[in-house]
Every structure is written in C-alpha cells, then in structure tokens.
Amino acid sequence: MTQAVDTRHRWALAGWLAPFLCALAVLPLMIQPGAAQEATVPAAGFPIGETLQLGAPQTGLLTIHSERLYAESAFGQRVTQELDAEGAVLTAENRKIEAELRAEELDLTERRSSMDPEAFRALADAFDKKVQETRRNQDQKLRGINQMGEDARRDFFTASLPVLQQIMLEAGAGAILEHASVFLSADAADVTDLAIARVNEVLGDGRDSQAEADSE
C-alpha cells in the first residue's frame, strides 16, 4: 500500500505546452498596426518603447526554458511545496493503513485453523474486498494530488502568456521557442530570467488568484 506522490507534474511540459509555445510563435501575425498598445499588460506596467531595468534583447528570435520558468517562479515554488505537503500526508496515511491491514491479515491467518472453512472463507472474502476498496480510495487521492499539480501548471502558463507576449513585442521578436529545441542561438536571446521576474511581479505566488477562484 505504500505509495509516493507522482512528481512528474513538475517536469512534464511537452504535450499540452506545445500549443502555448505555438501561440507565441504566431502572435506577430495576429497583431495589426496600432494594436501593440492593447497587447501590453496593464498590471505589470511595462509600456512599449521605454527603457526598462530588465529589458528584452532586441532580436528576432527569443528562447525560454519553460520548465525553469515554472519551477523557479514564486507560483511554481508555492505549488511544489503544497503538493509535497499533500504527498507527505498521503504517504503517512498509506503506511498507517498498510500496518493495520497487515495486522488484520495476520490475525485472520492465525484464526484459520480453529474456524469452520466456510466461515473463514467469508471473512477472507470480506477482508479482500476491504483491501481492494482501500486501494481504490488511496489511488483516487493520489490522482487528485497529481491533478492539482497539472491544473496549477496549466493555469500558470495561461496566466503567463500575456507577459511573454509583452516581452516579444518589446524585443520585436517573431517567436519564443523552447530553449531545448534550439540547436544554436545566442545567449542574449534567452529571456528566461526576464520572464521569471516579470511573471513574479504580475502573479506573485498565485495565492490571491487562487483565493478569488475559490470564492466564486
């Protein structure tokens, strides 16, 4: 019964993240003359054309480490801590349940020789049913924790999209590509650190937005 929380939600980015990166790649085709100001992020206060302390590199192609963007952001670190805490609780619960079931199994085994075979079979079947039901319940809790991680990651990248679009506009870039998929690029084209700083300023650790969503 011992289970550990599946931490793949921290690292699995390909799949559903691909449309997110594609959206950045086609953004310049969607922006019409005069619409650049509408694409800014009011909450962040990063107007186009002004000198910024953390300015975007002027280049036609940007790269980003999307996993590091999430993992090193205040939002991602907060979610990771919460999932680790939930996982620790579930692991402790599973160990307690496992010990109880083992004790019950041992007791049933010791009573077997002194019981009527039919009576023992009924108890054994009931015990087996209990074990299977317990396993399903604990597996469901595990899936719930993993789903929390996947949902949080999806929400993070959805909320980060306008920030990255703003960086693209400032750089005059045509796309932001996943760094790992680029064979050769200049270091100046990587905007991961800039994106982390910008996203942290806009989203923080995400507690406020989560509280608003829970209250709705």
Protein backbone atom coordinates (compact mmCIF):
# COMPACT_ATOMS: atom_id res chain seq x y z
CA MET A 1 0.00 0.00 0.00
CA THR A 2 2.96 2.34 0.33
CA GLN A 3 2.70 4.99 -2.34
CA ALA A 4 4.72 8.06 -3.22
CA VAL A 5 3.29 11.07 -4.95
CA ASP A 6 3.96 11.10 -8.67
CA THR A 7 6.23 14.14 -9.16
CA ARG A 8 6.12 14.01 -12.95
CA HIS A 9 3.84 17.06 -12.87
CA ARG A 10 6.98 19.08 -12.10
CA TRP A 11 8.74 18.03 -15.26
CA ALA A 12 6.20 17.01 -17.91
CA LEU A 13 5.88 20.05 -20.13
CA ALA A 14 5.72 18.84 -23.72
CA GLY A 15 2.17 17.72 -24.64
CA TRP A 16 -0.25 20.46 -23.70
CA LEU A 17 2.53 23.09 -23.50
CA ALA A 18 3.14 22.87 -27.24
CA PRO A 19 0.03 24.95 -28.14
CA PHE A 20 1.19 27.55 -25.61
CA LEU A 21 4.52 27.98 -27.44
CA CYS A 22 2.79 27.92 -30.83
CA ALA A 23 0.59 30.78 -29.68
CA LEU A 24 3.69 32.84 -29.05
CA ALA A 25 5.12 31.96 -32.43
CA VAL A 26 2.08 33.18 -34.38
CA LEU A 27 1.39 36.26 -32.27
CA PRO A 28 3.08 38.75 -34.67
CA LEU A 29 0.74 37.59 -37.44
CA MET A 30 -2.26 38.45 -35.26
CA ILE A 31 -1.15 41.95 -34.27
CA GLN A 32 -2.41 44.71 -36.55
CA PRO A 33 -0.83 48.19 -36.85
CA GLY A 34 -1.78 50.32 -33.90
CA ALA A 35 -2.74 47.34 -31.76
CA ALA A 36 0.57 47.00 -29.93
CA GLN A 37 -0.57 49.16 -27.05
CA GLU A 38 -3.56 46.87 -26.49
CA ALA A 39 -1.23 43.91 -26.11
CA THR A 40 0.54 45.37 -23.08
CA VAL A 41 -0.02 44.01 -19.61
CA PRO A 42 -1.58 46.81 -17.52
CA ALA A 43 -0.97 45.04 -14.21
CA ALA A 44 2.76 44.81 -14.89
CA GLY A 45 3.13 48.36 -16.18
CA PHE A 46 5.65 47.65 -18.94
CA PRO A 47 4.93 50.22 -21.70
CA ILE A 48 6.50 49.60 -25.07
CA GLY A 49 9.34 51.85 -26.11
CA GLU A 50 10.52 52.85 -22.64
CA THR A 51 13.88 51.83 -21.20
CA LEU A 52 13.37 49.05 -18.66
CA GLN A 53 15.64 47.88 -15.89
CA LEU A 54 15.19 44.34 -17.16
CA GLY A 55 14.86 44.98 -20.87
CA ALA A 56 14.18 42.39 -23.53
CA PRO A 57 17.00 41.74 -26.00
CA GLN A 58 16.42 43.25 -29.43
CA THR A 59 16.36 40.16 -31.60
CA GLY A 60 14.00 38.42 -33.97
CA LEU A 61 14.07 35.12 -32.09
CA LEU A 62 13.81 34.51 -28.35
CA THR A 63 14.24 31.31 -26.37
CA ILE A 64 12.99 30.24 -22.96
CA HIS A 65 13.48 27.37 -20.52
CA SER A 66 9.81 26.76 -19.82
CA GLU A 67 10.45 24.24 -17.06
CA ARG A 68 12.76 26.67 -15.25
CA LEU A 69 10.25 29.45 -15.75
CA TYR A 70 7.70 27.43 -13.83
CA ALA A 71 9.98 25.78 -11.27
CA GLU A 72 11.80 28.98 -10.26
CA SER A 73 8.77 31.24 -10.25
CA ALA A 74 7.14 32.12 -6.92
CA PHE A 75 3.96 30.47 -8.24
CA GLY A 76 5.69 27.20 -9.13
CA GLN A 77 7.62 27.04 -5.87
CA ARG A 78 4.45 27.60 -3.85
CA VAL A 79 2.61 24.84 -5.74
CA THR A 80 5.54 22.44 -5.34
CA GLN A 81 5.62 22.98 -1.58
CA GLU A 82 1.87 22.41 -1.31
CA LEU A 83 1.99 19.23 -3.37
CA ASP A 84 4.94 17.90 -1.37
CA ALA A 85 2.97 18.52 1.84
CA GLU A 86 -0.10 16.76 0.45
CA GLY A 87 2.08 13.88 -0.70
CA ALA A 88 3.71 13.53 2.72
CA VAL A 89 0.29 13.32 4.37
CA LEU A 90 -0.89 10.68 1.91
CA THR A 91 2.29 8.64 2.30
CA ALA A 92 1.95 8.63 6.10
CA GLU A 93 -1.71 7.66 5.77
CA ASN A 94 -0.84 4.79 3.42
CA ARG A 95 1.79 3.45 5.81
CA LYS A 96 -0.68 3.51 8.70
CA ILE A 97 -3.32 1.73 6.63
CA GLU A 98 -0.79 -0.83 5.44
CA ALA A 99 0.23 -1.65 9.01
CA GLU A 100 -3.40 -2.05 10.06
CA LEU A 101 -4.18 -4.34 7.14
CA ARG A 102 -1.12 -6.48 7.77
CA ALA A 103 -2.15 -6.90 11.42
CA GLU A 104 -5.67 -7.83 10.37
CA GLU A 105 -4.35 -10.31 7.84
CA LEU A 106 -2.08 -11.92 10.43
CA ASP A 107 -4.96 -12.23 12.89
CA LEU A 108 -7.13 -13.84 10.24
CA THR A 109 -4.38 -16.29 9.34
CA GLU A 110 -3.90 -17.33 12.96
CA ARG A 111 -7.64 -17.93 13.39
CA ARG A 112 -7.91 -20.07 10.28
CA SER A 113 -7.10 -23.41 11.89
CA SER A 114 -9.78 -23.03 14.54
CA MET A 115 -12.56 -21.83 12.21
CA ASP A 116 -15.10 -23.55 10.04
CA PRO A 117 -13.83 -23.40 6.43
CA GLU A 118 -16.97 -21.68 5.18
CA ALA A 119 -16.84 -19.08 7.96
CA PHE A 120 -13.18 -18.44 7.27
CA ARG A 121 -13.84 -18.07 3.53
CA ALA A 122 -16.49 -15.44 4.26
CA LEU A 123 -14.09 -13.46 6.44
CA ALA A 124 -11.28 -13.81 3.89
CA ASP A 125 -13.52 -12.56 1.08
CA ALA A 126 -14.63 -9.60 3.20
CA PHE A 127 -11.01 -8.78 4.00
CA ASP A 128 -10.02 -8.95 0.34
CA LYS A 129 -12.89 -6.64 -0.57
CA LYS A 130 -11.78 -4.20 2.11
CA VAL A 131 -8.21 -4.21 0.78
CA GLN A 132 -9.35 -3.55 -2.79
CA GLU A 133 -11.67 -0.73 -1.73
CA THR A 134 -8.95 0.86 0.37
CA ARG A 135 -6.52 0.70 -2.52
CA ARG A 136 -9.03 2.38 -4.85
CA ASN A 137 -9.64 5.15 -2.33
CA GLN A 138 -5.95 5.84 -1.82
CA ASP A 139 -5.26 5.73 -5.56
CA GLN A 140 -8.03 8.27 -6.07
CA LYS A 141 -6.40 10.58 -3.53
CA LEU A 142 -3.09 10.22 -5.35
CA ARG A 143 -4.70 11.05 -8.68
CA GLY A 144 -6.31 14.07 -7.06
CA ILE A 145 -2.93 15.40 -5.90
CA ASN A 146 -1.39 14.87 -9.34
CA GLN A 147 -4.37 16.58 -10.96
CA MET A 148 -3.85 19.56 -8.66
CA GLY A 149 -0.30 19.84 -9.98
CA GLU A 150 -1.36 19.59 -13.60
CA ASP A 151 -4.11 22.17 -13.16
CA ALA A 152 -1.76 24.59 -11.40
CA ARG A 153 0.84 24.25 -14.15
CA ARG A 154 -1.78 24.85 -16.83
CA ASP A 155 -3.11 27.90 -15.01
CA PHE A 156 0.40 29.26 -14.62
CA PHE A 157 1.26 29.13 -18.30
CA THR A 158 -2.13 30.51 -19.29
CA ALA A 159 -1.64 33.47 -16.95
CA SER A 160 1.98 33.92 -18.11
CA LEU A 161 1.10 34.13 -21.79
CA PRO A 162 0.35 37.90 -21.83
CA VAL A 163 3.64 38.59 -20.02
CA LEU A 164 5.60 36.62 -22.61
CA GLN A 165 3.70 38.30 -25.41
CA GLN A 166 4.75 41.65 -23.95
CA ILE A 167 8.39 40.56 -23.93
CA MET A 168 8.07 39.54 -27.58
CA LEU A 169 6.67 42.93 -28.51
CA GLU A 170 9.44 44.79 -26.70
CA ALA A 171 12.09 42.66 -28.40
CA GLY A 172 10.49 42.91 -31.82
CA ALA A 173 10.74 39.14 -31.94
CA GLY A 174 8.79 36.82 -34.19
CA ALA A 175 8.69 33.85 -31.81
CA ILE A 176 9.69 32.45 -28.45
CA LEU A 177 11.00 28.90 -28.77
CA GLU A 178 11.68 26.24 -26.16
CA HIS A 179 15.42 26.50 -25.49
CA ALA A 180 15.98 22.75 -25.55
CA SER A 181 14.64 22.52 -29.10
CA VAL A 182 17.05 25.15 -30.49
CA PHE A 183 20.28 23.76 -31.93
CA LEU A 184 22.20 27.05 -31.84
CA SER A 185 21.32 30.50 -30.51
CA ALA A 186 22.94 33.50 -28.88
CA ASP A 187 22.77 33.65 -25.09
CA ALA A 188 21.27 37.13 -25.37
CA ALA A 189 18.18 35.59 -26.97
CA ASP A 190 17.26 33.66 -23.81
CA VAL A 191 14.61 35.52 -21.79
CA THR A 192 14.00 33.01 -19.01
CA ASP A 193 15.34 35.20 -16.19
CA LEU A 194 13.46 38.21 -17.51
CA ALA A 195 10.26 36.18 -17.80
CA ILE A 196 10.59 34.89 -14.24
CA ALA A 197 11.00 38.43 -12.90
CA ARG A 198 8.05 39.72 -14.92
CA VAL A 199 5.76 36.80 -14.06
CA ASN A 200 6.61 37.10 -10.37
CA GLU A 201 5.65 40.78 -10.46
CA VAL A 202 2.33 40.03 -12.14
CA LEU A 203 1.31 36.72 -10.50
CA GLY A 204 3.26 36.59 -7.26
CA ASP A 205 2.87 33.12 -5.78
CA GLY A 206 -0.69 32.86 -7.08
CA ARG A 207 -2.37 32.75 -3.67
CA ASP A 208 -4.53 35.80 -4.38
CA SER A 209 -5.86 34.46 -7.68
CA GLN A 210 -6.48 31.06 -6.07
CA ALA A 211 -8.43 32.70 -3.25
CA GLU A 212 -10.56 34.60 -5.78
CA ALA A 213 -11.26 31.40 -7.73
CA ASP A 214 -12.26 29.55 -4.54
CA SER A 215 -14.65 32.33 -3.54
CA GLU A 216 -16.52 32.28 -6.86
